[in-house]
PDB file of N, CA and C in Angstrom:
ATOM      1  N   UNK A   1       0.781  -1.154  -0.042  1.00  0.00           N
ATOM      2  CA  UNK A   1      -0.436  -0.183  -0.169  1.00  0.00           C
ATOM      3  C   UNK A   1       1.276   1.796  -0.072  1.00  0.00           C
ATOM      4  N   UNK A   2       1.551   1.371  -0.670  1.00  0.00           N
ATOM      5  CA  UNK A   2       2.836   2.278  -0.987  1.00  0.00           C
ATOM      6  C   UNK A   2       2.108   3.661  -1.612  1.00  0.00           C
ATOM      7  N   UNK A   3       2.248   4.551  -1.415  1.00  0.00           N
ATOM      8  CA  UNK A   3       1.609   5.852  -2.075  1.00  0.00           C
ATOM      9  C   UNK A   3       0.314   6.119  -0.945  1.00  0.00           C
ATOM     10  N   UNK A   4      -0.161   5.686  -0.146  1.00  0.00           N
ATOM     11  CA  UNK A   4      -1.189   6.179   0.625  1.00  0.00           C
ATOM     12  C   UNK A   4      -0.900   6.990   1.441  1.00  0.00           C
ATOM     13  N   UNK A   5      -1.467   7.612   1.746  1.00  0.00           N
ATOM     14  CA  UNK A   5      -1.590   9.136   3.133  1.00  0.00           C
ATOM     15  C   UNK A   5      -2.601   7.756   4.160  1.00  0.00           C
ATOM     16  N   UNK A   6      -2.226   8.325   5.129  1.00  0.00           N
ATOM     17  CA  UNK A   6      -2.842   7.809   6.185  1.00  0.00           C
ATOM     18  C   UNK A   6      -3.823   9.205   6.930  1.00  0.00           C
ATOM     19  N   UNK A   7      -4.980   8.953   7.858  1.00  0.00           N
ATOM     20  CA  UNK A   7      -5.296  10.159   8.222  1.00  0.00           C
ATOM     21  C   UNK A   7      -4.582  10.324   9.093  1.00  0.00           C
ATOM     22  N   UNK A   8      -3.862  10.328   9.906  1.00  0.00           N
ATOM     23  CA  UNK A   8      -3.169  10.909  10.897  1.00  0.00           C
ATOM     24  C   UNK A   8      -2.001  11.837  10.038  1.00  0.00           C
ATOM     25  N   UNK A   9      -1.587  11.763   8.983  1.00  0.00           N
ATOM     26  CA  UNK A   9      -0.865  12.440   7.994  1.00  0.00           C
ATOM     27  C   UNK A   9      -1.735  13.628   7.564  1.00  0.00           C
ATOM     28  N   UNK A  10      -2.885  13.277   7.457  1.00  0.00           N
ATOM     29  CA  UNK A  10      -3.397  14.351   7.007  1.00  0.00           C
ATOM     30  C   UNK A  10      -3.962  15.350   7.999  1.00  0.00           C
ATOM     31  N   UNK A  11      -4.286  15.030   8.766  1.00  0.00           N
ATOM     32  CA  UNK A  11      -4.508  15.554   9.938  1.00  0.00           C
ATOM     33  C   UNK A  11      -3.167  16.171  10.307  1.00  0.00           C
ATOM     34  N   UNK A  12      -2.002  16.102  10.539  1.00  0.00           N
ATOM     35  CA  UNK A  12      -0.689  16.617  11.265  1.00  0.00           C
ATOM     36  C   UNK A  12      -0.478  17.628   9.426  1.00  0.00           C
ATOM     37  N   UNK A  13      -0.975  17.862   8.208  1.00  0.00           N
ATOM     38  CA  UNK A  13      -0.686  18.342   7.263  1.00  0.00           C
ATOM     39  C   UNK A  13      -1.343  19.500   7.526  1.00  0.00           C
ATOM     40  N   UNK A  14      -2.963  19.811   8.160  1.00  0.00           N
ATOM     41  CA  UNK A  14      -4.080  19.932   8.182  1.00  0.00           C
ATOM     42  C   UNK A  14      -3.502  21.346   9.517  1.00  0.00           C
ATOM     43  N   UNK A  15      -2.926  20.793  10.300  1.00  0.00           N
ATOM     44  CA  UNK A  15      -2.414  21.555  11.656  1.00  0.00           C
ATOM     45  C   UNK A  15      -1.321  22.463  10.984  1.00  0.00           C
ATOM     46  N   UNK A  16      -0.288  22.280  10.576  1.00  0.00           N
ATOM     47  CA  UNK A  16       0.724  22.725  10.087  1.00  0.00           C
ATOM     48  C   UNK A  16       0.226  22.989   8.996  1.00  0.00           C
ATOM     49  N   UNK A  17      -0.626  23.830   8.083  1.00  0.00           N
ATOM     50  CA  UNK A  17      -1.139  24.560   7.076  1.00  0.00           C
ATOM     51  C   UNK A  17      -1.829  25.667   8.138  1.00  0.00           C
ATOM     52  N   UNK A  18      -2.732  25.141   9.149  1.00  0.00           N
ATOM     53  CA  UNK A  18      -3.274  26.190   9.941  1.00  0.00           C
ATOM     54  C   UNK A  18      -2.411  26.973  10.782  1.00  0.00           C
ATOM     55  N   UNK A  19      -1.428  26.641  11.514  1.00  0.00           N
ATOM     56  CA  UNK A  19       0.287  27.274  11.804  1.00  0.00           C
ATOM     57  C   UNK A  19       0.972  28.638  11.410  1.00  0.00           C
ATOM     58  N   UNK A  20       0.839  27.707   9.614  1.00  0.00           N
ATOM     59  CA  UNK A  20       1.260  28.791   8.840  1.00  0.00           C
ATOM     60  C   UNK A  20       0.441  30.176   8.961  1.00  0.00           C
ATOM     61  N   UNK A  21      -0.929  29.549   8.792  1.00  0.00           N
ATOM     62  CA  UNK A  21      -1.782  30.726   8.123  1.00  0.00           C
ATOM     63  C   UNK A  21      -2.337  31.566   9.284  1.00  0.00           C
ATOM     64  N   UNK A  22      -2.060  31.133  10.514  1.00  0.00           N
ATOM     65  CA  UNK A  22      -2.021  32.035  11.621  1.00  0.00           C
ATOM     66  C   UNK A  22      -0.773  33.082  12.201  1.00  0.00           C
ATOM     67  N   UNK A  23       0.413  32.517  11.516  1.00  0.00           N
ATOM     68  CA  UNK A  23       1.764  32.944  11.703  1.00  0.00           C
ATOM     69  C   UNK A  23       1.528  34.073  10.841  1.00  0.00           C
ATOM     70  N   UNK A  24       1.349  33.819   9.686  1.00  0.00           N
ATOM     71  CA  UNK A  24       1.399  34.764   8.388  1.00  0.00           C
ATOM     72  C   UNK A  24       0.293  35.765   8.840  1.00  0.00           C
ATOM     73  N   UNK A  25      -0.846  35.704   9.525  1.00  0.00           N
ATOM     74  CA  UNK A  25      -1.624  36.806   9.431  1.00  0.00           C
ATOM     75  C   UNK A  25      -1.555  37.784  10.648  1.00  0.00           C
ATOM     76  N   UNK A  26      -0.650  36.859  11.772  1.00  0.00           N
ATOM     77  CA  UNK A  26       0.228  37.733  12.678  1.00  0.00           C
ATOM     78  C   UNK A  26       1.348  38.916  12.444  1.00  0.00           C
ATOM     79  N   UNK A  27       1.684  38.053  11.277  1.00  0.00           N
ATOM     80  CA  UNK A  27       3.411  38.961  11.011  1.00  0.00           C
ATOM     81  C   UNK A  27       2.667  39.852   9.938  1.00  0.00           C
ATOM     82  N   UNK A  28       1.792  39.901   9.165  1.00  0.00           N
ATOM     83  CA  UNK A  28       0.940  41.023   8.706  1.00  0.00           C
ATOM     84  C   UNK A  28       0.615  42.376   9.332  1.00  0.00           C
ATOM     85  N   UNK A  29      -0.118  41.634  10.142  1.00  0.00           N
ATOM     86  CA  UNK A  29      -0.842  42.601  11.005  1.00  0.00           C
ATOM     87  C   UNK A  29       0.232  43.331  11.904  1.00  0.00           C
ATOM     88  N   UNK A  30       1.182  43.074  12.169  1.00  0.00           N
ATOM     89  CA  UNK A  30       2.598  43.415  12.769  1.00  0.00           C
ATOM     90  C   UNK A  30       3.133  44.068  11.819  1.00  0.00           C
ATOM     91  N   UNK A  31       3.470  43.866  10.926  1.00  0.00           N
ATOM     92  CA  UNK A  31       3.924  44.750   9.917  1.00  0.00           C
ATOM     93  C   UNK A  31       3.220  46.114   9.468  1.00  0.00           C
ATOM     94  N   UNK A  32       1.493  45.748   9.289  1.00  0.00           N
ATOM     95  CA  UNK A  32       1.110  46.973   9.330  1.00  0.00           C
ATOM     96  C   UNK A  32       0.590  47.992  10.042  1.00  0.00           C
ATOM     97  N   UNK A  33       1.292  47.293  11.497  1.00  0.00           N
ATOM     98  CA  UNK A  33       1.176  48.305  12.730  1.00  0.00           C
ATOM     99  C   UNK A  33       2.590  49.305  13.176  1.00  0.00           C
ATOM    100  N   UNK A  34       3.485  48.533  12.284  1.00  0.00           N
ATOM    101  CA  UNK A  34       4.831  48.537  12.264  1.00  0.00           C
ATOM    102  C   UNK A  34       5.355  49.633  11.284  1.00  0.00           C
ATOM    103  N   UNK A  35       4.193  49.719  10.198  1.00  0.00           N
ATOM    104  CA  UNK A  35       4.395  50.634   8.796  1.00  0.00           C
ATOM    105  C   UNK A  35       4.042  51.879   9.319  1.00  0.00           C
ATOM    106  N   UNK A  36       2.672  51.919  10.163  1.00  0.00           N
ATOM    107  CA  UNK A  36       1.999  53.171  10.529  1.00  0.00           C
ATOM    108  C   UNK A  36       2.531  53.750  11.497  1.00  0.00           C
ATOM    109  N   UNK A  37       3.506  52.923  12.634  1.00  0.00           N
ATOM    110  CA  UNK A  37       3.980  53.993  13.769  1.00  0.00           C
ATOM    111  C   UNK A  37       5.612  54.610  13.013  1.00  0.00           C
ATOM    112  N   UNK A  38       6.147  54.187  12.190  1.00  0.00           N
ATOM    113  CA  UNK A  38       7.385  54.280  11.188  1.00  0.00           C
ATOM    114  C   UNK A  38       7.143  55.691  10.749  1.00  0.00           C
ATOM    115  N   UNK A  39       5.534  55.449  10.031  1.00  0.00           N
ATOM    116  CA  UNK A  39       5.663  56.620   9.364  1.00  0.00           C
ATOM    117  C   UNK A  39       4.751  57.751   9.914  1.00  0.00           C
ATOM    118  N   UNK A  40       4.493  58.065  11.507  1.00  0.00           N
ATOM    119  CA  UNK A  40       3.821  58.571  12.201  1.00  0.00           C
ATOM    120  C   UNK A  40       5.250  59.220  12.540  1.00  0.00           C
ATOM    121  N   UNK A  41       6.273  59.246  13.279  1.00  0.00           N
ATOM    122  CA  UNK A  41       7.333  59.316  13.824  1.00  0.00           C
ATOM    123  C   UNK A  41       8.176  60.334  12.356  1.00  0.00           C
ATOM    124  N   UNK A  42       8.322  59.469  11.501  1.00  0.00           N
ATOM    125  CA  UNK A  42       8.867  59.885  10.168  1.00  0.00           C
ATOM    126  C   UNK A  42       8.391  61.996   9.909  1.00  0.00           C
ATOM    127  N   UNK A  43       7.096  61.495   9.799  1.00  0.00           N
ATOM    128  CA  UNK A  43       6.246  63.082   9.646  1.00  0.00           C
ATOM    129  C   UNK A  43       6.846  63.634  11.162  1.00  0.00           C
ATOM    130  N   UNK A  44       6.883  63.131  12.449  1.00  0.00           N
ATOM    131  CA  UNK A  44       7.142  64.409  13.327  1.00  0.00           C
ATOM    132  C   UNK A  44       8.776  64.910  12.871  1.00  0.00           C
ATOM    133  N   UNK A  45       9.568  63.745  12.900  1.00  0.00           N
ATOM    134  CA  UNK A  45      10.603  64.619  12.774  1.00  0.00           C
ATOM    135  C   UNK A  45      10.675  65.408  11.305  1.00  0.00           C
ATOM    136  N   UNK A  46      10.154  65.173  10.027  1.00  0.00           N
ATOM    137  CA  UNK A  46       9.824  66.070   8.951  1.00  0.00           C
ATOM    138  C   UNK A  46       9.252  67.399   9.466  1.00  0.00           C
ATOM    139  N   UNK A  47       8.161  67.771  10.760  1.00  0.00           N
ATOM    140  CA  UNK A  47       7.545  68.900  11.202  1.00  0.00           C
ATOM    141  C   UNK A  47       8.605  69.773  11.842  1.00  0.00           C
ATOM    142  N   UNK A  48       9.455  68.542  13.129  1.00  0.00           N
ATOM    143  CA  UNK A  48      10.171  69.599  13.376  1.00  0.00           C
ATOM    144  C   UNK A  48      11.316  70.522  12.425  1.00  0.00           C
ATOM    145  N   UNK A  49      11.845  69.410  11.785  1.00  0.00           N
ATOM    146  CA  UNK A  49      13.229  69.707  10.994  1.00  0.00           C
ATOM    147  C   UNK A  49      12.399  70.962  10.131  1.00  0.00           C
ATOM    148  N   UNK A  50      11.437  71.113   9.840  1.00  0.00           N
ATOM    149  CA  UNK A  50      10.990  72.466   8.388  1.00  0.00           C
ATOM    150  C   UNK A  50      10.634  73.499  10.030  1.00  0.00           C
ATOM    151  N   UNK A  51      10.494  73.354  10.987  1.00  0.00           N
ATOM    152  CA  UNK A  51       9.844  74.244  11.915  1.00  0.00           C
ATOM    153  C   UNK A  51      11.524  75.169  11.850  1.00  0.00           C
ATOM    154  N   UNK A  52      12.796  73.774  12.201  1.00  0.00           N
ATOM    155  CA  UNK A  52      14.016  74.251  12.769  1.00  0.00           C
ATOM    156  C   UNK A  52      14.864  74.993  11.814  1.00  0.00           C
ATOM    157  N   UNK A  53      14.333  74.699  10.396  1.00  0.00           N
ATOM    158  CA  UNK A  53      14.865  75.427   9.182  1.00  0.00           C
ATOM    159  C   UNK A  53      14.486  76.789   9.101  1.00  0.00           C
ATOM    160  N   UNK A  54      12.883  77.092   9.617  1.00  0.00           N
ATOM    161  CA  UNK A  54      12.803  78.633   9.383  1.00  0.00           C
ATOM    162  C   UNK A  54      13.586  79.126  10.005  1.00  0.00           C
ATOM    163  N   UNK A  55      13.438  80.531   9.222  1.00  0.00           N
ATOM    164  CA  UNK A  55      14.075  81.879   9.980  1.00  0.00           C
ATOM    165  C   UNK A  55      13.522  82.288  10.888  1.00  0.00           C
ATOM    166  N   UNK A  56      14.229  82.846  11.829  1.00  0.00           N
ATOM    167  CA  UNK A  56      13.894  83.752  12.741  1.00  0.00           C
ATOM    168  C   UNK A  56      13.853  85.251  12.435  1.00  0.00           C
ATOM    169  N   UNK A  57      13.544  86.142  13.013  1.00  0.00           N
ATOM    170  CA  UNK A  57      13.111  87.601  13.067  1.00  0.00           C
ATOM    171  C   UNK A  57      14.630  88.524  13.096  1.00  0.00           C
ATOM    172  N   UNK A  58      14.778  88.928  11.447  1.00  0.00           N
ATOM    173  CA  UNK A  58      16.103  89.009  11.160  1.00  0.00           C
ATOM    174  C   UNK A  58      17.092  88.676  10.223  1.00  0.00           C
ATOM    175  N   UNK A  59      16.329  87.195  10.501  1.00  0.00           N
ATOM    176  CA  UNK A  59      17.160  86.267   8.926  1.00  0.00           C
ATOM    177  C   UNK A  59      16.957  86.530   7.632  1.00  0.00           C
ATOM    178  N   UNK A  60      17.439  86.353   6.644  1.00  0.00           N
ATOM    179  CA  UNK A  60      17.831  86.905   5.445  1.00  0.00           C
ATOM    180  C   UNK A  60      16.850  85.300   4.816  1.00  0.00           C
ATOM    181  N   UNK A  61      15.413  86.267   3.681  1.00  0.00           N
ATOM    182  CA  UNK A  61      14.769  85.079   3.599  1.00  0.00           C
ATOM    183  C   UNK A  61      14.248  85.732   1.834  1.00  0.00           C
ATOM    184  N   UNK A  62      13.485  84.736   1.184  1.00  0.00           N
ATOM    185  CA  UNK A  62      12.989  85.145   0.303  1.00  0.00           C
ATOM    186  C   UNK A  62      11.518  84.797  -0.110  1.00  0.00           C
ATOM    187  N   UNK A  63      11.010  83.894   0.637  1.00  0.00           N
ATOM    188  CA  UNK A  63       9.373  84.019  -0.111  1.00  0.00           C
ATOM    189  C   UNK A  63       9.051  84.020   1.834  1.00  0.00           C
ATOM    190  N   UNK A  64       7.672  84.390   2.016  1.00  0.00           N
ATOM    191  CA  UNK A  64       6.747  84.390   3.500  1.00  0.00           C
ATOM    192  C   UNK A  64       7.491  82.934   4.053  1.00  0.00           C
ATOM    193  N   UNK A  65       7.555  81.556   3.211  1.00  0.00           N
ATOM    194  CA  UNK A  65       7.281  80.863   4.213  1.00  0.00           C
ATOM    195  C   UNK A  65       8.805  80.214   4.661  1.00  0.00           C
ATOM    196  N   UNK A  66       9.783  81.124   4.314  1.00  0.00           N
ATOM    197  CA  UNK A  66      11.399  80.631   4.597  1.00  0.00           C
ATOM    198  C   UNK A  66      11.162  81.114   6.254  1.00  0.00           C
ATOM    199  N   UNK A  67      10.089  82.068   7.019  1.00  0.00           N
ATOM    200  CA  UNK A  67      10.181  82.467   8.043  1.00  0.00           C
ATOM    201  C   UNK A  67       9.186  81.683   9.062  1.00  0.00           C
ATOM    202  N   UNK A  68       9.604  82.200  10.298  1.00  0.00           N
ATOM    203  CA  UNK A  68       8.488  81.169  11.345  1.00  0.00           C
ATOM    204  C   UNK A  68       7.271  82.011  11.496  1.00  0.00           C
ATOM    205  N   UNK A  69       7.843  83.378  11.066  1.00  0.00           N
ATOM    206  CA  UNK A  69       6.569  84.442  11.453  1.00  0.00           C
ATOM    207  C   UNK A  69       5.430  84.364   9.851  1.00  0.00           C
ATOM    208  N   UNK A  70       6.192  83.208   9.119  1.00  0.00           N
ATOM    209  CA  UNK A  70       5.230  83.307   7.728  1.00  0.00           C
ATOM    210  C   UNK A  70       5.255  85.182   7.034  1.00  0.00           C
ATOM    211  N   UNK A  71       6.240  85.457   7.238  1.00  0.00           N
ATOM    212  CA  UNK A  71       6.208  87.092   7.055  1.00  0.00           C
ATOM    213  C   UNK A  71       7.555  87.604   6.380  1.00  0.00           C
ATOM    214  N   UNK A  72       7.791  87.759   5.107  1.00  0.00           N
ATOM    215  CA  UNK A  72       9.141  88.349   4.626  1.00  0.00           C
ATOM    216  C   UNK A  72       9.239  89.106   3.856  1.00  0.00           C
ATOM    217  N   UNK A  73       9.603  90.487   4.552  1.00  0.00           N
ATOM    218  CA  UNK A  73       9.271  91.584   3.970  1.00  0.00           C
ATOM    219  C   UNK A  73      11.081  92.121   3.724  1.00  0.00           C
ATOM    220  N   UNK A  74      10.856  92.576   2.385  1.00  0.00           N
ATOM    221  CA  UNK A  74      12.422  93.230   1.766  1.00  0.00           C
ATOM    222  C   UNK A  74      13.683  91.986   2.150  1.00  0.00           C
ATOM    223  N   UNK A  75      13.108  91.180   1.913  1.00  0.00           N
ATOM    224  CA  UNK A  75      14.264  89.645   1.982  1.00  0.00           C
ATOM    225  C   UNK A  75      14.743  89.487   3.317  1.00  0.00           C
ATOM    226  N   UNK A  76      14.114  89.899   4.232  1.00  0.00           N
ATOM    227  CA  UNK A  76      14.201  89.711   5.955  1.00  0.00           C
ATOM    228  C   UNK A  76      13.317  89.526   6.551  1.00  0.00           C
ATOM    229  N   UNK A  77      13.250  88.264   7.237  1.00  0.00           N
ATOM    230  CA  UNK A  77      12.217  88.076   8.474  1.00  0.00           C
ATOM    231  C   UNK A  77      11.614  89.221   9.063  1.00  0.00           C
ATOM    232  N   UNK A  78      10.556  89.366   9.286  1.00  0.00           N
ATOM    233  CA  UNK A  78       9.975  90.071  10.331  1.00  0.00           C
ATOM    234  C   UNK A  78       8.836  89.553  11.314  1.00  0.00           C
TER     235      UNK A  78
END
């Protein structure tokens, strides 16, 4: 009776497939949560860098967005 698969082997195969499916679902959920966390942290860093890069009163500027006050008069932040 070579080539026959016993009921025990089928049950074992079903258990292994179920464990792999559960692990895959867990890893996908973990990856999604981690991705959101990284994105939020990245946005916070970008906002902080943008605020740091803006000029203070008296600093040279070209457009209003170059200044913390968003006011650039005669190429100087006011």
